[in-house]
Amino acid sequence: MQVSYAWQYRGRWNRVATESSETPLPLQAGSQEEFITEHFWGYAQAGRKPTGEYQVAHPRWDLYQVQRYQVDCDFAALYGSRFADLARREPQSVFLAEGSAVEVYSKKNIVG
C-alpha cells in the first residue's frame, strides 16, 4: 500500500510517503509506536497566551509494516535553521498507523 502527504510552504512542495504491507498488525505493548500513538494529552501555546492542555481520545490503532519511505522537506524553512540538518539524517522511526476518528476535548489553560 502506498500513502503520501504533501503540502506547499513558501512556494516549495514538501512530501512524506511510505510503501507498506497491505495488512495491519496489532500495536505492540511497550513499543516506540505505542508510546507515540497512545498519548492522550496535548499542549499548545501561542505567543503570550497561556499554555493550553487538551485531552484526545481514540481507539488503539493497528500498524502497517513500512517497507520503504521518502521524506522530502525543507526543515529549515518549516522549523528554523537549527533543524536544517534533518534533511540529511535518517529518521529514528517510521511507521504507518491505521488511524480513526479522534475526539478532542475542550482546552484548559494550565499556565498563566
N, C-alpha and C. Protein backbone atom coordinates (compact mmCIF):
# COMPACT_ATOMS: atom_id res chain seq x y z
N MET A 1 0.85 -1.17 0.00
CA MET A 1 0.00 0.00 0.00
C MET A 1 0.90 1.24 0.00
N GLN A 2 0.53 2.24 -0.77
CA GLN A 2 1.29 3.49 -0.81
C GLN A 2 0.44 4.62 -0.22
N VAL A 3 1.09 5.38 0.67
CA VAL A 3 0.43 6.52 1.31
C VAL A 3 1.40 7.69 1.27
N SER A 4 0.89 8.86 0.90
CA SER A 4 1.75 10.04 0.90
C SER A 4 0.96 11.26 1.33
N TYR A 5 1.69 12.26 1.79
CA TYR A 5 1.10 13.53 2.19
C TYR A 5 2.04 14.62 1.70
N ALA A 6 1.48 15.63 1.04
CA ALA A 6 2.29 16.73 0.52
C ALA A 6 1.63 18.05 0.87
N TRP A 7 2.46 19.07 1.08
CA TRP A 7 1.97 20.41 1.37
C TRP A 7 2.95 21.43 0.83
N GLN A 8 2.42 22.59 0.50
CA GLN A 8 3.26 23.66 -0.04
C GLN A 8 3.48 24.71 1.04
N TYR A 9 4.75 25.11 1.20
CA TYR A 9 5.10 26.15 2.16
C TYR A 9 6.12 27.06 1.51
N ARG A 10 5.79 28.33 1.45
CA ARG A 10 6.65 29.34 0.83
C ARG A 10 7.08 28.94 -0.59
N GLY A 11 6.13 28.42 -1.35
CA GLY A 11 6.37 28.10 -2.75
C GLY A 11 7.06 26.77 -3.01
N ARG A 12 7.42 26.03 -1.97
CA ARG A 12 8.09 24.73 -2.15
C ARG A 12 7.17 23.61 -1.66
N TRP A 13 7.08 22.56 -2.47
CA TRP A 13 6.32 21.39 -2.06
C TRP A 13 7.16 20.51 -1.14
N ASN A 14 6.57 20.09 -0.04
CA ASN A 14 7.18 19.16 0.91
C ASN A 14 6.36 17.88 0.87
N ARG A 15 7.02 16.73 1.15
CA ARG A 15 6.31 15.46 1.00
C ARG A 15 6.90 14.41 1.92
N VAL A 16 6.01 13.60 2.50
CA VAL A 16 6.40 12.37 3.18
C VAL A 16 5.57 11.25 2.56
N ALA A 17 6.19 10.08 2.39
CA ALA A 17 5.50 8.98 1.73
C ALA A 17 6.00 7.65 2.28
N THR A 18 5.12 6.65 2.26
CA THR A 18 5.51 5.30 2.66
C THR A 18 4.95 4.29 1.68
N GLU A 19 5.64 3.18 1.59
CA GLU A 19 5.12 1.99 0.94
C GLU A 19 5.13 0.93 2.02
N SER A 20 3.97 0.29 2.25
CA SER A 20 3.86 -0.62 3.39
C SER A 20 3.09 -1.88 3.03
N SER A 21 3.04 -2.79 4.00
CA SER A 21 2.25 -4.01 3.85
C SER A 21 0.78 -3.65 3.67
N GLU A 22 0.00 -4.59 3.16
CA GLU A 22 -1.44 -4.37 2.96
C GLU A 22 -2.26 -4.71 4.20
N THR A 23 -1.69 -5.51 5.09
CA THR A 23 -2.42 -5.99 6.26
C THR A 23 -1.89 -5.36 7.53
N PRO A 24 -2.76 -4.75 8.32
CA PRO A 24 -2.30 -4.13 9.57
C PRO A 24 -2.00 -5.19 10.62
N LEU A 25 -1.10 -4.82 11.54
CA LEU A 25 -0.73 -5.67 12.66
C LEU A 25 -1.07 -4.94 13.96
N PRO A 26 -1.36 -5.70 15.03
CA PRO A 26 -1.67 -5.03 16.30
C PRO A 26 -0.47 -4.25 16.82
N LEU A 27 -0.75 -3.16 17.48
CA LEU A 27 0.27 -2.34 18.14
C LEU A 27 0.88 -3.16 19.26
N GLN A 28 2.21 -3.18 19.34
CA GLN A 28 2.91 -3.96 20.36
C GLN A 28 3.05 -3.17 21.66
N ALA A 29 2.68 -3.79 22.76
CA ALA A 29 2.81 -3.15 24.07
C ALA A 29 4.28 -2.84 24.35
N GLY A 30 4.54 -1.63 24.85
CA GLY A 30 5.89 -1.22 25.20
C GLY A 30 6.73 -0.72 24.03
N SER A 31 6.18 -0.69 22.84
CA SER A 31 6.93 -0.27 21.65
C SER A 31 6.99 1.26 21.54
N GLN A 32 7.93 1.73 20.74
CA GLN A 32 8.04 3.17 20.47
C GLN A 32 6.76 3.66 19.79
N GLU A 33 6.20 2.85 18.91
CA GLU A 33 4.96 3.22 18.22
C GLU A 33 3.80 3.37 19.21
N GLU A 34 3.75 2.49 20.21
CA GLU A 34 2.71 2.63 21.23
C GLU A 34 2.90 3.92 22.03
N PHE A 35 4.14 4.22 22.37
CA PHE A 35 4.43 5.43 23.14
C PHE A 35 3.94 6.67 22.38
N ILE A 36 4.13 6.70 21.08
CA ILE A 36 3.75 7.87 20.28
C ILE A 36 2.24 7.91 20.04
N THR A 37 1.65 6.80 19.63
CA THR A 37 0.22 6.83 19.25
C THR A 37 -0.73 6.81 20.43
N GLU A 38 -0.29 6.33 21.58
CA GLU A 38 -1.17 6.22 22.73
C GLU A 38 -1.04 7.39 23.71
N HIS A 39 -0.58 8.52 23.21
CA HIS A 39 -0.57 9.75 24.02
C HIS A 39 -1.95 10.40 23.92
N PHE A 40 -2.54 10.69 25.05
CA PHE A 40 -3.90 11.21 25.04
C PHE A 40 -4.03 12.61 25.63
N TRP A 41 -2.89 13.30 25.74
CA TRP A 41 -2.91 14.69 26.20
C TRP A 41 -2.05 15.51 25.26
N GLY A 42 -2.54 16.69 24.90
CA GLY A 42 -1.79 17.61 24.05
C GLY A 42 -1.64 18.96 24.72
N TYR A 43 -0.62 19.69 24.30
CA TYR A 43 -0.33 21.00 24.88
C TYR A 43 0.00 21.97 23.75
N ALA A 44 -0.48 23.18 23.87
CA ALA A 44 -0.22 24.19 22.85
C ALA A 44 -0.10 25.56 23.50
N GLN A 45 0.79 26.36 22.93
CA GLN A 45 0.98 27.72 23.43
C GLN A 45 1.33 28.59 22.24
N ALA A 46 0.72 29.75 22.16
CA ALA A 46 0.96 30.67 21.05
C ALA A 46 1.25 32.06 21.60
N GLY A 47 2.41 32.60 21.24
CA GLY A 47 2.76 33.95 21.68
C GLY A 47 2.75 34.07 23.19
N ARG A 48 2.05 35.09 23.69
CA ARG A 48 1.99 35.32 25.13
C ARG A 48 0.75 34.72 25.77
N LYS A 49 -0.01 33.97 24.99
CA LYS A 49 -1.22 33.35 25.54
C LYS A 49 -0.83 32.21 26.49
N PRO A 50 -1.71 31.87 27.42
CA PRO A 50 -1.41 30.78 28.35
C PRO A 50 -1.28 29.44 27.61
N THR A 51 -0.51 28.53 28.19
CA THR A 51 -0.40 27.18 27.65
C THR A 51 -1.73 26.47 27.87
N GLY A 52 -2.20 25.81 26.83
CA GLY A 52 -3.45 25.07 26.93
C GLY A 52 -3.19 23.58 26.97
N GLU A 53 -4.00 22.87 27.72
CA GLU A 53 -3.93 21.41 27.81
C GLU A 53 -5.26 20.87 27.29
N TYR A 54 -5.20 19.83 26.46
CA TYR A 54 -6.43 19.24 25.95
C TYR A 54 -6.28 17.72 25.89
N GLN A 55 -7.38 17.04 26.09
CA GLN A 55 -7.39 15.58 26.05
C GLN A 55 -7.85 15.11 24.68
N VAL A 56 -7.26 14.01 24.23
CA VAL A 56 -7.60 13.40 22.94
C VAL A 56 -7.96 11.95 23.20
N ALA A 57 -9.00 11.45 22.52
CA ALA A 57 -9.40 10.05 22.70
C ALA A 57 -9.60 9.39 21.34
N HIS A 58 -9.11 8.16 21.23
CA HIS A 58 -9.32 7.35 20.03
C HIS A 58 -9.06 5.89 20.37
N PRO A 59 -9.61 4.96 19.58
CA PRO A 59 -9.31 3.55 19.82
C PRO A 59 -7.84 3.24 19.50
N ARG A 60 -7.37 2.13 19.99
CA ARG A 60 -5.99 1.70 19.73
C ARG A 60 -5.84 1.45 18.22
N TRP A 61 -4.76 2.00 17.64
CA TRP A 61 -4.54 1.89 16.20
C TRP A 61 -3.62 0.72 15.86
N ASP A 62 -3.97 -0.01 14.81
CA ASP A 62 -3.09 -1.03 14.25
C ASP A 62 -2.03 -0.35 13.38
N LEU A 63 -0.95 -1.07 13.09
CA LEU A 63 0.14 -0.52 12.28
C LEU A 63 0.37 -1.35 11.03
N TYR A 64 0.83 -0.70 9.98
CA TYR A 64 1.27 -1.36 8.76
C TYR A 64 2.79 -1.37 8.76
N GLN A 65 3.38 -2.49 8.36
CA GLN A 65 4.84 -2.59 8.31
C GLN A 65 5.36 -1.78 7.12
N VAL A 66 6.18 -0.77 7.40
CA VAL A 66 6.73 0.10 6.36
C VAL A 66 7.91 -0.60 5.69
N GLN A 67 7.85 -0.66 4.36
CA GLN A 67 8.92 -1.29 3.59
C GLN A 67 9.86 -0.25 3.00
N ARG A 68 9.30 0.88 2.59
CA ARG A 68 10.10 1.98 2.05
C ARG A 68 9.43 3.29 2.46
N TYR A 69 10.24 4.34 2.52
CA TYR A 69 9.70 5.65 2.87
C TYR A 69 10.50 6.73 2.15
N GLN A 70 9.90 7.90 2.07
CA GLN A 70 10.57 9.07 1.49
C GLN A 70 10.19 10.29 2.32
N VAL A 71 11.18 11.11 2.64
CA VAL A 71 10.96 12.38 3.33
C VAL A 71 11.65 13.45 2.50
N ASP A 72 10.88 14.37 1.96
CA ASP A 72 11.43 15.47 1.16
C ASP A 72 10.84 16.77 1.70
N CYS A 73 11.52 17.32 2.70
CA CYS A 73 11.03 18.52 3.39
C CYS A 73 12.14 19.55 3.52
N ASP A 74 11.76 20.81 3.46
CA ASP A 74 12.69 21.90 3.75
C ASP A 74 12.56 22.22 5.24
N PHE A 75 13.28 21.46 6.05
CA PHE A 75 13.16 21.58 7.50
C PHE A 75 13.55 22.97 8.01
N ALA A 76 14.54 23.58 7.38
CA ALA A 76 14.97 24.92 7.82
C ALA A 76 13.85 25.94 7.63
N ALA A 77 13.17 25.90 6.50
CA ALA A 77 12.07 26.83 6.26
C ALA A 77 10.88 26.54 7.18
N LEU A 78 10.61 25.25 7.40
CA LEU A 78 9.46 24.87 8.21
C LEU A 78 9.66 25.12 9.70
N TYR A 79 10.86 24.83 10.21
CA TYR A 79 11.07 24.84 11.66
C TYR A 79 12.22 25.71 12.14
N GLY A 80 12.98 26.31 11.23
CA GLY A 80 14.10 27.16 11.61
C GLY A 80 15.44 26.52 11.26
N SER A 81 16.47 27.33 11.20
CA SER A 81 17.78 26.88 10.73
C SER A 81 18.39 25.77 11.59
N ARG A 82 18.05 25.71 12.87
CA ARG A 82 18.61 24.65 13.72
C ARG A 82 18.17 23.25 13.28
N PHE A 83 17.13 23.17 12.46
CA PHE A 83 16.61 21.88 12.01
C PHE A 83 17.03 21.53 10.59
N ALA A 84 17.87 22.35 9.98
CA ALA A 84 18.26 22.16 8.57
C ALA A 84 18.90 20.80 8.32
N ASP A 85 19.71 20.31 9.25
CA ASP A 85 20.42 19.05 9.02
C ASP A 85 19.52 17.82 9.02
N LEU A 86 18.26 17.95 9.40
CA LEU A 86 17.35 16.81 9.37
C LEU A 86 17.17 16.25 7.96
N ALA A 87 17.32 17.09 6.96
CA ALA A 87 17.18 16.63 5.57
C ALA A 87 18.25 15.61 5.20
N ARG A 88 19.37 15.60 5.91
CA ARG A 88 20.47 14.69 5.60
C ARG A 88 20.52 13.49 6.55
N ARG A 89 19.64 13.45 7.53
CA ARG A 89 19.68 12.39 8.54
C ARG A 89 18.59 11.36 8.30
N GLU A 90 18.87 10.13 8.74
CA GLU A 90 17.86 9.07 8.69
C GLU A 90 16.93 9.21 9.90
N PRO A 91 15.64 9.05 9.72
CA PRO A 91 14.73 9.11 10.86
C PRO A 91 14.98 7.94 11.81
N GLN A 92 14.71 8.15 13.08
CA GLN A 92 14.87 7.07 14.06
C GLN A 92 13.68 6.12 14.06
N SER A 93 12.56 6.59 13.51
CA SER A 93 11.35 5.77 13.50
C SER A 93 10.50 6.19 12.30
N VAL A 94 9.96 5.20 11.61
CA VAL A 94 8.99 5.45 10.54
C VAL A 94 7.91 4.38 10.69
N PHE A 95 6.67 4.83 10.84
CA PHE A 95 5.58 3.85 10.90
C PHE A 95 4.31 4.45 10.33
N LEU A 96 3.41 3.58 9.94
CA LEU A 96 2.12 3.98 9.38
C LEU A 96 1.02 3.36 10.23
N ALA A 97 0.20 4.20 10.85
CA ALA A 97 -0.87 3.75 11.73
C ALA A 97 -2.21 3.78 10.99
N GLU A 98 -3.09 2.87 11.37
CA GLU A 98 -4.42 2.78 10.77
C GLU A 98 -5.19 4.08 10.93
N GLY A 99 -5.17 4.66 12.11
CA GLY A 99 -5.90 5.89 12.35
C GLY A 99 -7.39 5.65 12.57
N SER A 100 -8.09 6.68 12.96
CA SER A 100 -9.52 6.59 13.24
C SER A 100 -10.05 7.99 13.48
N ALA A 101 -11.33 8.07 13.74
CA ALA A 101 -11.88 9.33 14.23
C ALA A 101 -11.25 9.62 15.58
N VAL A 102 -11.05 10.90 15.87
CA VAL A 102 -10.41 11.32 17.11
C VAL A 102 -11.32 12.34 17.78
N GLU A 103 -11.50 12.18 19.07
CA GLU A 103 -12.28 13.16 19.84
C GLU A 103 -11.32 14.05 20.60
N VAL A 104 -11.43 15.37 20.42
CA VAL A 104 -10.59 16.33 21.11
C VAL A 104 -11.48 17.11 22.06
N TYR A 105 -11.13 17.05 23.34
CA TYR A 105 -11.93 17.71 24.37
C TYR A 105 -11.51 19.18 24.50
N SER A 106 -12.33 19.95 25.20
CA SER A 106 -12.08 21.37 25.38
C SER A 106 -10.74 21.62 26.06
N LYS A 107 -10.10 22.69 25.62
CA LYS A 107 -8.81 23.10 26.16
C LYS A 107 -9.01 23.75 27.53
N LYS A 108 -8.03 23.48 28.44
CA LYS A 108 -7.97 24.17 29.72
C LYS A 108 -6.63 24.91 29.78
N ASN A 109 -6.65 26.15 30.22
CA ASN A 109 -5.40 26.90 30.41
C ASN A 109 -4.73 26.37 31.67
N ILE A 110 -3.42 26.05 31.54
CA ILE A 110 -2.71 25.49 32.70
C ILE A 110 -1.56 26.38 33.18
N VAL A 111 -1.12 27.35 32.36
CA VAL A 111 -0.05 28.26 32.75
C VAL A 111 -0.51 29.67 32.41
N GLY A 112 -0.46 30.58 33.38
CA GLY A 112 -0.95 31.94 33.16
C GLY A 112 0.07 32.82 32.73
